[in-house]
Amino acid sequence: MNSNILKNRTKAFAVSVALFCENLPNRVAFKPYSNQLIRASSSVGANYRAVCRAKSKADFINKLKIVEEECDECMFFLELMVEIDNSLKEKIQPIWNEANEILSIVVSAINTSRQNLK
């Protein structure tokens, strides 16, 4: 996948998360989760941009690992929100699916890069 396509995709992911969080029901439990979800989703995009500026193969892999962790964190908070309010599942599912696809792409890139280091 072209790095510009994934840059745009990770930015769009962060925007979709922010818009979703703006429309969450006003519940005490959602406030910290939505704040952390917004941070993690924007970190996915910001750290992927850093990946594109990696100085070595090892740096590339290390930066991708950060993207992997942040993306997995997003999925965790989305899952928590569904556990708290199952009526959100329909709205959350497309966002979770996109996070999972981005995560799969990143993990595949990490594995390929590690094989090429040997």
PDB file of N, CA and C in Angstrom:
ATOM      1  N   MET A   1       0.855  -1.183   0.000  1.00  0.00           N
ATOM      2  CA  MET A   1       0.000   0.000   0.000  1.00  0.00           C
ATOM      3  C   MET A   1       0.898   1.241   0.000  1.00  0.00           C
ATOM      4  N   ASN A   2       0.541   2.204  -0.776  1.00  0.00           N
ATOM      5  CA  ASN A   2       1.243   3.477  -0.871  1.00  0.00           C
ATOM      6  C   ASN A   2       1.191   4.199   0.480  1.00  0.00           C
ATOM      7  N   SER A   3       2.336   4.789   0.884  1.00  0.00           N
ATOM      8  CA  SER A   3       2.382   5.454   2.196  1.00  0.00           C
ATOM      9  C   SER A   3       1.421   6.637   2.277  1.00  0.00           C
ATOM     10  N   ASN A   4       1.197   7.334   1.173  1.00  0.00           N
ATOM     11  CA  ASN A   4       0.248   8.463   1.188  1.00  0.00           C
ATOM     12  C   ASN A   4      -1.184   7.991   1.406  1.00  0.00           C
ATOM     13  N   ILE A   5      -1.502   6.851   0.851  1.00  0.00           N
ATOM     14  CA  ILE A   5      -2.845   6.300   1.053  1.00  0.00           C
ATOM     15  C   ILE A   5      -3.047   5.981   2.535  1.00  0.00           C
ATOM     16  N   LEU A   6      -2.050   5.367   3.158  1.00  0.00           N
ATOM     17  CA  LEU A   6      -2.186   5.025   4.567  1.00  0.00           C
ATOM     18  C   LEU A   6      -2.123   6.272   5.451  1.00  0.00           C
ATOM     19  N   LYS A   7      -1.359   7.281   5.061  1.00  0.00           N
ATOM     20  CA  LYS A   7      -1.373   8.559   5.797  1.00  0.00           C
ATOM     21  C   LYS A   7      -2.784   9.135   5.809  1.00  0.00           C
ATOM     22  N   ASN A   8      -3.402   9.173   4.641  1.00  0.00           N
ATOM     23  CA  ASN A   8      -4.767   9.709   4.532  1.00  0.00           C
ATOM     24  C   ASN A   8      -5.771   8.843   5.291  1.00  0.00           C
ATOM     25  N   ARG A   9      -5.569   7.560   5.223  1.00  0.00           N
ATOM     26  CA  ARG A   9      -6.491   6.638   5.879  1.00  0.00           C
ATOM     27  C   ARG A   9      -6.405   6.763   7.402  1.00  0.00           C
ATOM     28  N   THR A  10      -5.182   6.898   7.936  1.00  0.00           N
ATOM     29  CA  THR A  10      -5.040   7.033   9.381  1.00  0.00           C
ATOM     30  C   THR A  10      -5.569   8.386   9.856  1.00  0.00           C
ATOM     31  N   LYS A  11      -5.419   9.419   9.027  1.00  0.00           N
ATOM     32  CA  LYS A  11      -5.979  10.723   9.400  1.00  0.00           C
ATOM     33  C   LYS A  11      -7.507  10.658   9.377  1.00  0.00           C
ATOM     34  N   ALA A  12      -8.069  10.035   8.362  1.00  0.00           N
ATOM     35  CA  ALA A  12      -9.525   9.892   8.278  1.00  0.00           C
ATOM     36  C   ALA A  12     -10.055   9.069   9.454  1.00  0.00           C
ATOM     37  N   PHE A  13      -9.272   8.087   9.881  1.00  0.00           N
ATOM     38  CA  PHE A  13      -9.658   7.281  11.039  1.00  0.00           C
ATOM     39  C   PHE A  13      -9.763   8.166  12.286  1.00  0.00           C
ATOM     40  N   ALA A  14      -8.763   9.018  12.503  1.00  0.00           N
ATOM     41  CA  ALA A  14      -8.769   9.917  13.658  1.00  0.00           C
ATOM     42  C   ALA A  14      -9.964  10.865  13.608  1.00  0.00           C
ATOM     43  N   VAL A  15     -10.273  11.368  12.429  1.00  0.00           N
ATOM     44  CA  VAL A  15     -11.418  12.273  12.273  1.00  0.00           C
ATOM     45  C   VAL A  15     -12.722  11.529  12.575  1.00  0.00           C
ATOM     46  N   SER A  16     -12.855  10.312  12.059  1.00  0.00           N
ATOM     47  CA  SER A  16     -14.092   9.555  12.300  1.00  0.00           C
ATOM     48  C   SER A  16     -14.266   9.250  13.787  1.00  0.00           C
ATOM     49  N   VAL A  17     -13.172   8.969  14.482  1.00  0.00           N
ATOM     50  CA  VAL A  17     -13.245   8.728  15.923  1.00  0.00           C
ATOM     51  C   VAL A  17     -13.677  10.002  16.643  1.00  0.00           C
ATOM     52  N   ALA A  18     -13.078  11.131  16.292  1.00  0.00           N
ATOM     53  CA  ALA A  18     -13.421  12.403  16.947  1.00  0.00           C
ATOM     54  C   ALA A  18     -14.894  12.737  16.742  1.00  0.00           C
ATOM     55  N   LEU A  19     -15.385  12.569  15.524  1.00  0.00           N
ATOM     56  CA  LEU A  19     -16.795  12.864  15.239  1.00  0.00           C
ATOM     57  C   LEU A  19     -17.720  11.909  15.992  1.00  0.00           C
ATOM     58  N   PHE A  20     -17.327  10.652  16.067  1.00  0.00           N
ATOM     59  CA  PHE A  20     -18.109   9.674  16.825  1.00  0.00           C
ATOM     60  C   PHE A  20     -18.171  10.087  18.303  1.00  0.00           C
ATOM     61  N   CYS A  21     -17.024  10.447  18.871  1.00  0.00           N
ATOM     62  CA  CYS A  21     -16.961  10.805  20.288  1.00  0.00           C
ATOM     63  C   CYS A  21     -17.756  12.063  20.608  1.00  0.00           C
ATOM     64  N   GLU A  22     -17.817  12.992  19.666  1.00  0.00           N
ATOM     65  CA  GLU A  22     -18.608  14.205  19.883  1.00  0.00           C
ATOM     66  C   GLU A  22     -20.086  13.904  20.051  1.00  0.00           C
ATOM     67  N   ASN A  23     -20.524  12.801  19.492  1.00  0.00           N
ATOM     68  CA  ASN A  23     -21.946  12.457  19.526  1.00  0.00           C
ATOM     69  C   ASN A  23     -22.289  11.365  20.531  1.00  0.00           C
ATOM     70  N   LEU A  24     -21.350  11.036  21.422  1.00  0.00           N
ATOM     71  CA  LEU A  24     -21.633  10.022  22.431  1.00  0.00           C
ATOM     72  C   LEU A  24     -22.646  10.547  23.445  1.00  0.00           C
ATOM     73  N   PRO A  25     -23.421   9.647  24.026  1.00  0.00           N
ATOM     74  CA  PRO A  25     -24.323  10.070  25.094  1.00  0.00           C
ATOM     75  C   PRO A  25     -23.506  10.671  26.247  1.00  0.00           C
ATOM     76  N   ASN A  26     -24.083  11.614  26.947  1.00  0.00           N
ATOM     77  CA  ASN A  26     -23.392  12.283  28.048  1.00  0.00           C
ATOM     78  C   ASN A  26     -23.445  11.390  29.292  1.00  0.00           C
ATOM     79  N   ARG A  27     -22.509  10.443  29.346  1.00  0.00           N
ATOM     80  CA  ARG A  27     -22.424   9.507  30.475  1.00  0.00           C
ATOM     81  C   ARG A  27     -21.037   9.612  31.088  1.00  0.00           C
ATOM     82  N   VAL A  28     -20.970   9.475  32.381  1.00  0.00           N
ATOM     83  CA  VAL A  28     -19.704   9.614  33.106  1.00  0.00           C
ATOM     84  C   VAL A  28     -18.639   8.662  32.556  1.00  0.00           C
ATOM     85  N   ALA A  29     -19.006   7.437  32.286  1.00  0.00           N
ATOM     86  CA  ALA A  29     -18.038   6.434  31.826  1.00  0.00           C
ATOM     87  C   ALA A  29     -17.439   6.777  30.467  1.00  0.00           C
ATOM     88  N   PHE A  30     -18.201   7.433  29.635  1.00  0.00           N
ATOM     89  CA  PHE A  30     -17.712   7.708  28.280  1.00  0.00           C
ATOM     90  C   PHE A  30     -16.686   8.840  28.225  1.00  0.00           C
ATOM     91  N   LYS A  31     -16.713   9.731  29.192  1.00  0.00           N
ATOM     92  CA  LYS A  31     -15.813  10.895  29.144  1.00  0.00           C
ATOM     93  C   LYS A  31     -14.334  10.482  29.094  1.00  0.00           C
ATOM     94  N   PRO A  32     -13.837   9.704  30.060  1.00  0.00           N
ATOM     95  CA  PRO A  32     -12.416   9.336  29.991  1.00  0.00           C
ATOM     96  C   PRO A  32     -12.099   8.405  28.824  1.00  0.00           C
ATOM     97  N   TYR A  33     -13.036   7.520  28.510  1.00  0.00           N
ATOM     98  CA  TYR A  33     -12.801   6.597  27.396  1.00  0.00           C
ATOM     99  C   TYR A  33     -12.739   7.342  26.066  1.00  0.00           C
ATOM    100  N   SER A  34     -13.639   8.286  25.884  1.00  0.00           N
ATOM    101  CA  SER A  34     -13.629   9.031  24.619  1.00  0.00           C
ATOM    102  C   SER A  34     -12.382   9.908  24.526  1.00  0.00           C
ATOM    103  N   ASN A  35     -11.947  10.503  25.637  1.00  0.00           N
ATOM    104  CA  ASN A  35     -10.714  11.293  25.613  1.00  0.00           C
ATOM    105  C   ASN A  35      -9.516  10.430  25.215  1.00  0.00           C
ATOM    106  N   GLN A  36      -9.421   9.258  25.825  1.00  0.00           N
ATOM    107  CA  GLN A  36      -8.304   8.373  25.507  1.00  0.00           C
ATOM    108  C   GLN A  36      -8.406   7.839  24.083  1.00  0.00           C
ATOM    109  N   LEU A  37      -9.607   7.552  23.634  1.00  0.00           N
ATOM    110  CA  LEU A  37      -9.821   7.070  22.271  1.00  0.00           C
ATOM    111  C   LEU A  37      -9.407   8.126  21.251  1.00  0.00           C
ATOM    112  N   ILE A  38      -9.743   9.372  21.510  1.00  0.00           N
ATOM    113  CA  ILE A  38      -9.348  10.454  20.601  1.00  0.00           C
ATOM    114  C   ILE A  38      -7.830  10.585  20.574  1.00  0.00           C
ATOM    115  N   ARG A  39      -7.192  10.519  21.743  1.00  0.00           N
ATOM    116  CA  ARG A  39      -5.727  10.608  21.793  1.00  0.00           C
ATOM    117  C   ARG A  39      -5.079   9.463  21.021  1.00  0.00           C
ATOM    118  N   ALA A  40      -5.543   8.250  21.271  1.00  0.00           N
ATOM    119  CA  ALA A  40      -4.945   7.077  20.637  1.00  0.00           C
ATOM    120  C   ALA A  40      -5.169   7.091  19.124  1.00  0.00           C
ATOM    121  N   SER A  41      -6.364   7.474  18.694  1.00  0.00           N
ATOM    122  CA  SER A  41      -6.644   7.464  17.248  1.00  0.00           C
ATOM    123  C   SER A  41      -5.817   8.515  16.517  1.00  0.00           C
ATOM    124  N   SER A  42      -5.633   9.676  17.133  1.00  0.00           N
ATOM    125  CA  SER A  42      -4.801  10.693  16.486  1.00  0.00           C
ATOM    126  C   SER A  42      -3.337  10.280  16.534  1.00  0.00           C
ATOM    127  N   SER A  43      -2.958   9.541  17.553  1.00  0.00           N
ATOM    128  CA  SER A  43      -1.596   9.024  17.646  1.00  0.00           C
ATOM    129  C   SER A  43      -1.304   7.998  16.546  1.00  0.00           C
ATOM    130  N   VAL A  44      -2.312   7.243  16.150  1.00  0.00           N
ATOM    131  CA  VAL A  44      -2.130   6.298  15.036  1.00  0.00           C
ATOM    132  C   VAL A  44      -1.656   7.055  13.800  1.00  0.00           C
ATOM    133  N   GLY A  45      -2.358   8.123  13.461  1.00  0.00           N
ATOM    134  CA  GLY A  45      -1.989   8.906  12.278  1.00  0.00           C
ATOM    135  C   GLY A  45      -0.678   9.649  12.441  1.00  0.00           C
ATOM    136  N   ALA A  46      -0.484  10.278  13.594  1.00  0.00           N
ATOM    137  CA  ALA A  46       0.742  11.051  13.828  1.00  0.00           C
ATOM    138  C   ALA A  46       1.970  10.146  13.809  1.00  0.00           C
ATOM    139  N   ASN A  47       1.855   8.991  14.442  1.00  0.00           N
ATOM    140  CA  ASN A  47       2.996   8.080  14.473  1.00  0.00           C
ATOM    141  C   ASN A  47       3.226   7.401  13.128  1.00  0.00           C
ATOM    142  N   TYR A  48       2.167   7.198  12.348  1.00  0.00           N
ATOM    143  CA  TYR A  48       2.399   6.653  11.014  1.00  0.00           C
ATOM    144  C   TYR A  48       3.185   7.658  10.162  1.00  0.00           C
ATOM    145  N   ARG A  49       2.891   8.946  10.323  1.00  0.00           N
ATOM    146  CA  ARG A  49       3.671   9.971   9.613  1.00  0.00           C
ATOM    147  C   ARG A  49       5.144   9.892  10.016  1.00  0.00           C
ATOM    148  N   ALA A  50       5.395   9.608  11.305  1.00  0.00           N
ATOM    149  CA  ALA A  50       6.779   9.444  11.768  1.00  0.00           C
ATOM    150  C   ALA A  50       7.423   8.211  11.138  1.00  0.00           C
ATOM    151  N   VAL A  51       6.631   7.162  10.935  1.00  0.00           N
ATOM    152  CA  VAL A  51       7.130   5.955  10.268  1.00  0.00           C
ATOM    153  C   VAL A  51       7.694   6.316   8.889  1.00  0.00           C
ATOM    154  N   CYS A  52       6.980   7.183   8.205  1.00  0.00           N
ATOM    155  CA  CYS A  52       7.380   7.567   6.842  1.00  0.00           C
ATOM    156  C   CYS A  52       8.692   8.349   6.821  1.00  0.00           C
ATOM    157  N   ARG A  53       9.122   8.823   7.991  1.00  0.00           N
ATOM    158  CA  ARG A  53      10.385   9.561   8.073  1.00  0.00           C
ATOM    159  C   ARG A  53      11.457   8.759   8.802  1.00  0.00           C
ATOM    160  N   ALA A  54      11.253   7.470   8.961  1.00  0.00           N
ATOM    161  CA  ALA A  54      12.208   6.630   9.691  1.00  0.00           C
ATOM    162  C   ALA A  54      13.595   6.710   9.049  1.00  0.00           C
ATOM    163  N   LYS A  55      14.604   6.644   9.907  1.00  0.00           N
ATOM    164  CA  LYS A  55      15.977   6.818   9.455  1.00  0.00           C
ATOM    165  C   LYS A  55      16.678   5.502   9.143  1.00  0.00           C
ATOM    166  N   SER A  56      16.092   4.413   9.579  1.00  0.00           N
ATOM    167  CA  SER A  56      16.672   3.092   9.323  1.00  0.00           C
ATOM    168  C   SER A  56      15.548   2.061   9.359  1.00  0.00           C
ATOM    169  N   LYS A  57      15.870   0.854   8.973  1.00  0.00           N
ATOM    170  CA  LYS A  57      14.881  -0.232   9.014  1.00  0.00           C
ATOM    171  C   LYS A  57      14.447  -0.503  10.459  1.00  0.00           C
ATOM    172  N   ALA A  58      15.413  -0.480  11.388  1.00  0.00           N
ATOM    173  CA  ALA A  58      15.075  -0.705  12.800  1.00  0.00           C
ATOM    174  C   ALA A  58      14.187   0.425  13.328  1.00  0.00           C
ATOM    175  N   ASP A  59      14.491   1.661  12.957  1.00  0.00           N
ATOM    176  CA  ASP A  59      13.674   2.808  13.354  1.00  0.00           C
ATOM    177  C   ASP A  59      12.269   2.673  12.774  1.00  0.00           C
ATOM    178  N   PHE A  60      12.182   2.240  11.526  1.00  0.00           N
ATOM    179  CA  PHE A  60      10.912   2.011  10.840  1.00  0.00           C
ATOM    180  C   PHE A  60      10.064   1.017  11.626  1.00  0.00           C
ATOM    181  N   ILE A  61      10.676  -0.092  12.019  1.00  0.00           N
ATOM    182  CA  ILE A  61       9.955  -1.136  12.760  1.00  0.00           C
ATOM    183  C   ILE A  61       9.514  -0.615  14.121  1.00  0.00           C
ATOM    184  N   ASN A  62      10.403   0.072  14.820  1.00  0.00           N
ATOM    185  CA  ASN A  62      10.059   0.608  16.141  1.00  0.00           C
ATOM    186  C   ASN A  62       8.899   1.587  16.074  1.00  0.00           C
ATOM    187  N   LYS A  63       8.895   2.445  15.076  1.00  0.00           N
ATOM    188  CA  LYS A  63       7.808   3.412  14.924  1.00  0.00           C
ATOM    189  C   LYS A  63       6.498   2.704  14.543  1.00  0.00           C
ATOM    190  N   LEU A  64       6.605   1.679  13.718  1.00  0.00           N
ATOM    191  CA  LEU A  64       5.410   0.897  13.367  1.00  0.00           C
ATOM    192  C   LEU A  64       4.836   0.199  14.597  1.00  0.00           C
ATOM    193  N   LYS A  65       5.696  -0.246  15.509  1.00  0.00           N
ATOM    194  CA  LYS A  65       5.217  -0.899  16.728  1.00  0.00           C
ATOM    195  C   LYS A  65       4.382   0.064  17.569  1.00  0.00           C
ATOM    196  N   ILE A  66       4.747   1.347  17.567  1.00  0.00           N
ATOM    197  CA  ILE A  66       3.956   2.350  18.286  1.00  0.00           C
ATOM    198  C   ILE A  66       2.579   2.477  17.644  1.00  0.00           C
ATOM    199  N   VAL A  67       2.539   2.517  16.318  1.00  0.00           N
ATOM    200  CA  VAL A  67       1.256   2.585  15.611  1.00  0.00           C
ATOM    201  C   VAL A  67       0.414   1.359  15.950  1.00  0.00           C
ATOM    202  N   GLU A  68       1.045   0.193  15.978  1.00  0.00           N
ATOM    203  CA  GLU A  68       0.340  -1.047  16.323  1.00  0.00           C
ATOM    204  C   GLU A  68      -0.287  -0.936  17.720  1.00  0.00           C
ATOM    205  N   GLU A  69       0.484  -0.477  18.690  1.00  0.00           N
ATOM    206  CA  GLU A  69      -0.021  -0.366  20.057  1.00  0.00           C
ATOM    207  C   GLU A  69      -1.173   0.632  20.166  1.00  0.00           C
ATOM    208  N   GLU A  70      -1.046   1.767  19.516  1.00  0.00           N
ATOM    209  CA  GLU A  70      -2.093   2.788  19.584  1.00  0.00           C
ATOM    210  C   GLU A  70      -3.374   2.308  18.901  1.00  0.00           C
ATOM    211  N   CYS A  71      -3.221   1.615  17.808  1.00  0.00           N
ATOM    212  CA  CYS A  71      -4.391   1.102  17.089  1.00  0.00           C
ATOM    213  C   CYS A  71      -5.111   0.041  17.931  1.00  0.00           C
ATOM    214  N   ASP A  72      -4.345  -0.830  18.558  1.00  0.00           N
ATOM    215  CA  ASP A  72      -4.936  -1.840  19.427  1.00  0.00           C
ATOM    216  C   ASP A  72      -5.632  -1.187  20.617  1.00  0.00           C
ATOM    217  N   GLU A  73      -5.047  -0.105  21.133  1.00  0.00           N
ATOM    218  CA  GLU A  73      -5.673   0.632  22.229  1.00  0.00           C
ATOM    219  C   GLU A  73      -7.017   1.208  21.797  1.00  0.00           C
ATOM    220  N   CYS A  74      -7.088   1.734  20.590  1.00  0.00           N
ATOM    221  CA  CYS A  74      -8.358   2.252  20.064  1.00  0.00           C
ATOM    222  C   CYS A  74      -9.418   1.159  20.065  1.00  0.00           C
ATOM    223  N   MET A  75      -9.022  -0.013  19.599  1.00  0.00           N
ATOM    224  CA  MET A  75      -9.961  -1.121  19.530  1.00  0.00           C
ATOM    225  C   MET A  75     -10.456  -1.495  20.929  1.00  0.00           C
ATOM    226  N   PHE A  76      -9.556  -1.461  21.904  1.00  0.00           N
ATOM    227  CA  PHE A  76      -9.926  -1.763  23.285  1.00  0.00           C
ATOM    228  C   PHE A  76     -10.985  -0.796  23.798  1.00  0.00           C
ATOM    229  N   PHE A  77     -10.773   0.508  23.607  1.00  0.00           N
ATOM    230  CA  PHE A  77     -11.737   1.486  24.115  1.00  0.00           C
ATOM    231  C   PHE A  77     -13.064   1.403  23.371  1.00  0.00           C
ATOM    232  N   LEU A  78     -13.027   1.109  22.092  1.00  0.00           N
ATOM    233  CA  LEU A  78     -14.271   0.908  21.343  1.00  0.00           C
ATOM    234  C   LEU A  78     -15.033  -0.298  21.894  1.00  0.00           C
ATOM    235  N   GLU A  79     -14.301  -1.363  22.200  1.00  0.00           N
ATOM    236  CA  GLU A  79     -14.935  -2.556  22.770  1.00  0.00           C
ATOM    237  C   GLU A  79     -15.542  -2.256  24.146  1.00  0.00           C
ATOM    238  N   LEU A  80     -14.840  -1.473  24.958  1.00  0.00           N
ATOM    239  CA  LEU A  80     -15.384  -1.087  26.264  1.00  0.00           C
ATOM    240  C   LEU A  80     -16.698  -0.331  26.110  1.00  0.00           C
ATOM    241  N   MET A  81     -16.740   0.567  25.155  1.00  0.00           N
ATOM    242  CA  MET A  81     -17.959   1.361  24.943  1.00  0.00           C
ATOM    243  C   MET A  81     -19.130   0.485  24.551  1.00  0.00           C
ATOM    244  N   VAL A  82     -18.878  -0.532  23.746  1.00  0.00           N
ATOM    245  CA  VAL A  82     -19.953  -1.464  23.377  1.00  0.00           C
ATOM    246  C   VAL A  82     -20.403  -2.249  24.604  1.00  0.00           C
ATOM    247  N   GLU A  83     -19.440  -2.645  25.449  1.00  0.00           N
ATOM    248  CA  GLU A  83     -19.791  -3.380  26.672  1.00  0.00           C
ATOM    249  C   GLU A  83     -20.665  -2.529  27.585  1.00  0.00           C
ATOM    250  N   ILE A  84     -20.385  -1.233  27.645  1.00  0.00           N
ATOM    251  CA  ILE A  84     -21.153  -0.334  28.508  1.00  0.00           C
ATOM    252  C   ILE A  84     -22.527  -0.041  27.923  1.00  0.00           C
ATOM    253  N   ASP A  85     -22.565   0.137  26.597  1.00  0.00           N
ATOM    254  CA  ASP A  85     -23.831   0.492  25.936  1.00  0.00           C
ATOM    255  C   ASP A  85     -23.902  -0.215  24.592  1.00  0.00           C
ATOM    256  N   ASN A  86     -24.530  -1.369  24.592  1.00  0.00           N
ATOM    257  CA  ASN A  86     -24.600  -2.191  23.385  1.00  0.00           C
ATOM    258  C   ASN A  86     -25.333  -1.501  22.231  1.00  0.00           C
ATOM    259  N   SER A  87     -26.135  -0.499  22.536  1.00  0.00           N
ATOM    260  CA  SER A  87     -26.850   0.206  21.466  1.00  0.00           C
ATOM    261  C   SER A  87     -25.886   0.986  20.567  1.00  0.00           C
ATOM    262  N   LEU A  88     -24.643   1.173  21.002  1.00  0.00           N
ATOM    263  CA  LEU A  88     -23.636   1.878  20.195  1.00  0.00           C
ATOM    264  C   LEU A  88     -22.922   0.966  19.198  1.00  0.00           C
ATOM    265  N   LYS A  89     -23.194  -0.332  19.308  1.00  0.00           N
ATOM    266  CA  LYS A  89     -22.453  -1.305  18.497  1.00  0.00           C
ATOM    267  C   LYS A  89     -22.511  -1.000  16.992  1.00  0.00           C
ATOM    268  N   GLU A  90     -23.677  -0.631  16.502  1.00  0.00           N
ATOM    269  CA  GLU A  90     -23.834  -0.363  15.071  1.00  0.00           C
ATOM    270  C   GLU A  90     -22.969   0.816  14.620  1.00  0.00           C
ATOM    271  N   LYS A  91     -22.847   1.831  15.459  1.00  0.00           N
ATOM    272  CA  LYS A  91     -22.020   2.995  15.128  1.00  0.00           C
ATOM    273  C   LYS A  91     -20.533   2.703  15.305  1.00  0.00           C
ATOM    274  N   ILE A  92     -20.224   1.869  16.274  1.00  0.00           N
ATOM    275  CA  ILE A  92     -18.827   1.565  16.574  1.00  0.00           C
ATOM    276  C   ILE A  92     -18.231   0.565  15.597  1.00  0.00           C
ATOM    277  N   GLN A  93     -19.027  -0.362  15.111  1.00  0.00           N
ATOM    278  CA  GLN A  93     -18.500  -1.462  14.290  1.00  0.00           C
ATOM    279  C   GLN A  93     -17.676  -0.989  13.082  1.00  0.00           C
ATOM    280  N   PRO A  94     -18.131  -0.009  12.281  1.00  0.00           N
ATOM    281  CA  PRO A  94     -17.305   0.418  11.144  1.00  0.00           C
ATOM    282  C   PRO A  94     -15.971   1.050  11.576  1.00  0.00           C
ATOM    283  N   ILE A  95     -15.989   1.749  12.704  1.00  0.00           N
ATOM    284  CA  ILE A  95     -14.748   2.356  13.213  1.00  0.00           C
ATOM    285  C   ILE A  95     -13.811   1.257  13.691  1.00  0.00           C
ATOM    286  N   TRP A  96     -14.348   0.288  14.412  1.00  0.00           N
ATOM    287  CA  TRP A  96     -13.548  -0.844  14.884  1.00  0.00           C
ATOM    288  C   TRP A  96     -12.979  -1.625  13.696  1.00  0.00           C
ATOM    289  N   ASN A  97     -13.806  -1.827  12.673  1.00  0.00           N
ATOM    290  CA  ASN A  97     -13.339  -2.546  11.474  1.00  0.00           C
ATOM    291  C   ASN A  97     -12.170  -1.822  10.819  1.00  0.00           C
ATOM    292  N   GLU A  98     -12.257  -0.497  10.716  1.00  0.00           N
ATOM    293  CA  GLU A  98     -11.166   0.269  10.113  1.00  0.00           C
ATOM    294  C   GLU A  98      -9.911   0.169  10.975  1.00  0.00           C
ATOM    295  N   ALA A  99     -10.066   0.248  12.287  1.00  0.00           N
ATOM    296  CA  ALA A  99      -8.914   0.084  13.181  1.00  0.00           C
ATOM    297  C   ALA A  99      -8.282  -1.294  12.987  1.00  0.00           C
ATOM    298  N   ASN A 100      -9.104  -2.308  12.864  1.00  0.00           N
ATOM    299  CA  ASN A 100      -8.604  -3.666  12.665  1.00  0.00           C
ATOM    300  C   ASN A 100      -7.873  -3.806  11.327  1.00  0.00           C
ATOM    301  N   GLU A 101      -8.396  -3.178  10.277  1.00  0.00           N
ATOM    302  CA  GLU A 101      -7.720  -3.225   8.975  1.00  0.00           C
ATOM    303  C   GLU A 101      -6.378  -2.501   9.019  1.00  0.00           C
ATOM    304  N   ILE A 102      -6.345  -1.324   9.646  1.00  0.00           N
ATOM    305  CA  ILE A 102      -5.093  -0.590   9.789  1.00  0.00           C
ATOM    306  C   ILE A 102      -4.103  -1.421  10.601  1.00  0.00           C
ATOM    307  N   LEU A 103      -4.581  -2.024  11.683  1.00  0.00           N
ATOM    308  CA  LEU A 103      -3.732  -2.869  12.515  1.00  0.00           C
ATOM    309  C   LEU A 103      -3.159  -4.028  11.704  1.00  0.00           C
ATOM    310  N   SER A 104      -3.975  -4.659  10.892  1.00  0.00           N
ATOM    311  CA  SER A 104      -3.509  -5.780  10.063  1.00  0.00           C
ATOM    312  C   SER A 104      -2.437  -5.339   9.075  1.00  0.00           C
ATOM    313  N   ILE A 105      -2.619  -4.186   8.470  1.00  0.00           N
ATOM    314  CA  ILE A 105      -1.634  -3.652   7.525  1.00  0.00           C
ATOM    315  C   ILE A 105      -0.311  -3.383   8.243  1.00  0.00           C
ATOM    316  N   VAL A 106      -0.403  -2.771   9.415  1.00  0.00           N
ATOM    317  CA  VAL A 106       0.794  -2.421  10.180  1.00  0.00           C
ATOM    318  C   VAL A 106       1.532  -3.675  10.641  1.00  0.00           C
ATOM    319  N   VAL A 107       0.812  -4.653  11.167  1.00  0.00           N
ATOM    320  CA  VAL A 107       1.445  -5.890  11.620  1.00  0.00           C
ATOM    321  C   VAL A 107       2.106  -6.606  10.448  1.00  0.00           C
ATOM    322  N   SER A 108       1.458  -6.622   9.315  1.00  0.00           N
ATOM    323  CA  SER A 108       2.047  -7.235   8.120  1.00  0.00           C
ATOM    324  C   SER A 108       3.335  -6.513   7.720  1.00  0.00           C
ATOM    325  N   ALA A 109       3.330  -5.191   7.784  1.00  0.00           N
ATOM    326  CA  ALA A 109       4.530  -4.408   7.444  1.00  0.00           C
ATOM    327  C   ALA A 109       5.655  -4.681   8.438  1.00  0.00           C
ATOM    328  N   ILE A 110       5.304  -4.820   9.713  1.00  0.00           N
ATOM    329  CA  ILE A 110       6.312  -5.139  10.735  1.00  0.00           C
ATOM    330  C   ILE A 110       6.932  -6.498  10.440  1.00  0.00           C
ATOM    331  N   ASN A 111       6.092  -7.485  10.187  1.00  0.00           N
ATOM    332  CA  ASN A 111       6.596  -8.835   9.920  1.00  0.00           C
ATOM    333  C   ASN A 111       7.466  -8.889   8.670  1.00  0.00           C
ATOM    334  N   THR A 112       7.035  -8.222   7.614  1.00  0.00           N
ATOM    335  CA  THR A 112       7.822  -8.177   6.374  1.00  0.00           C
ATOM    336  C   THR A 112       9.156  -7.477   6.603  1.00  0.00           C
ATOM    337  N   SER A 113       9.132  -6.387   7.330  1.00  0.00           N
ATOM    338  CA  SER A 113      10.363  -5.629   7.597  1.00  0.00           C
ATOM    339  C   SER A 113      11.326  -6.441   8.448  1.00  0.00           C
ATOM    340  N   ARG A 114      10.796  -7.169   9.419  1.00  0.00           N
ATOM    341  CA  ARG A 114      11.657  -8.015  10.256  1.00  0.00           C
ATOM    342  C   ARG A 114      12.315  -9.132   9.445  1.00  0.00           C
ATOM    343  N   GLN A 115      11.554  -9.702   8.511  1.00  0.00           N
ATOM    344  CA  GLN A 115      12.118 -10.756   7.657  1.00  0.00           C
ATOM    345  C   GLN A 115      13.225 -10.190   6.766  1.00  0.00           C
ATOM    346  N   ASN A 116      13.044  -8.957   6.324  1.00  0.00           N
ATOM    347  CA  ASN A 116      14.049  -8.331   5.459  1.00  0.00           C
ATOM    348  C   ASN A 116      15.290  -7.891   6.222  1.00  0.00           C
ATOM    349  N   LEU A 117      15.199  -7.801   7.556  1.00  0.00           N
ATOM    350  CA  LEU A 117      16.361  -7.453   8.369  1.00  0.00           C
ATOM    351  C   LEU A 117      17.339  -8.615   8.496  1.00  0.00           C
ATOM    352  N   LYS A 118      16.823  -9.828   8.376  1.00  0.00           N
ATOM    353  CA  LYS A 118      17.661 -11.025   8.573  1.00  0.00           C
ATOM    354  C   LYS A 118      18.628 -11.237   7.439  1.00  0.00           C
TER     355      LYS A 118
END
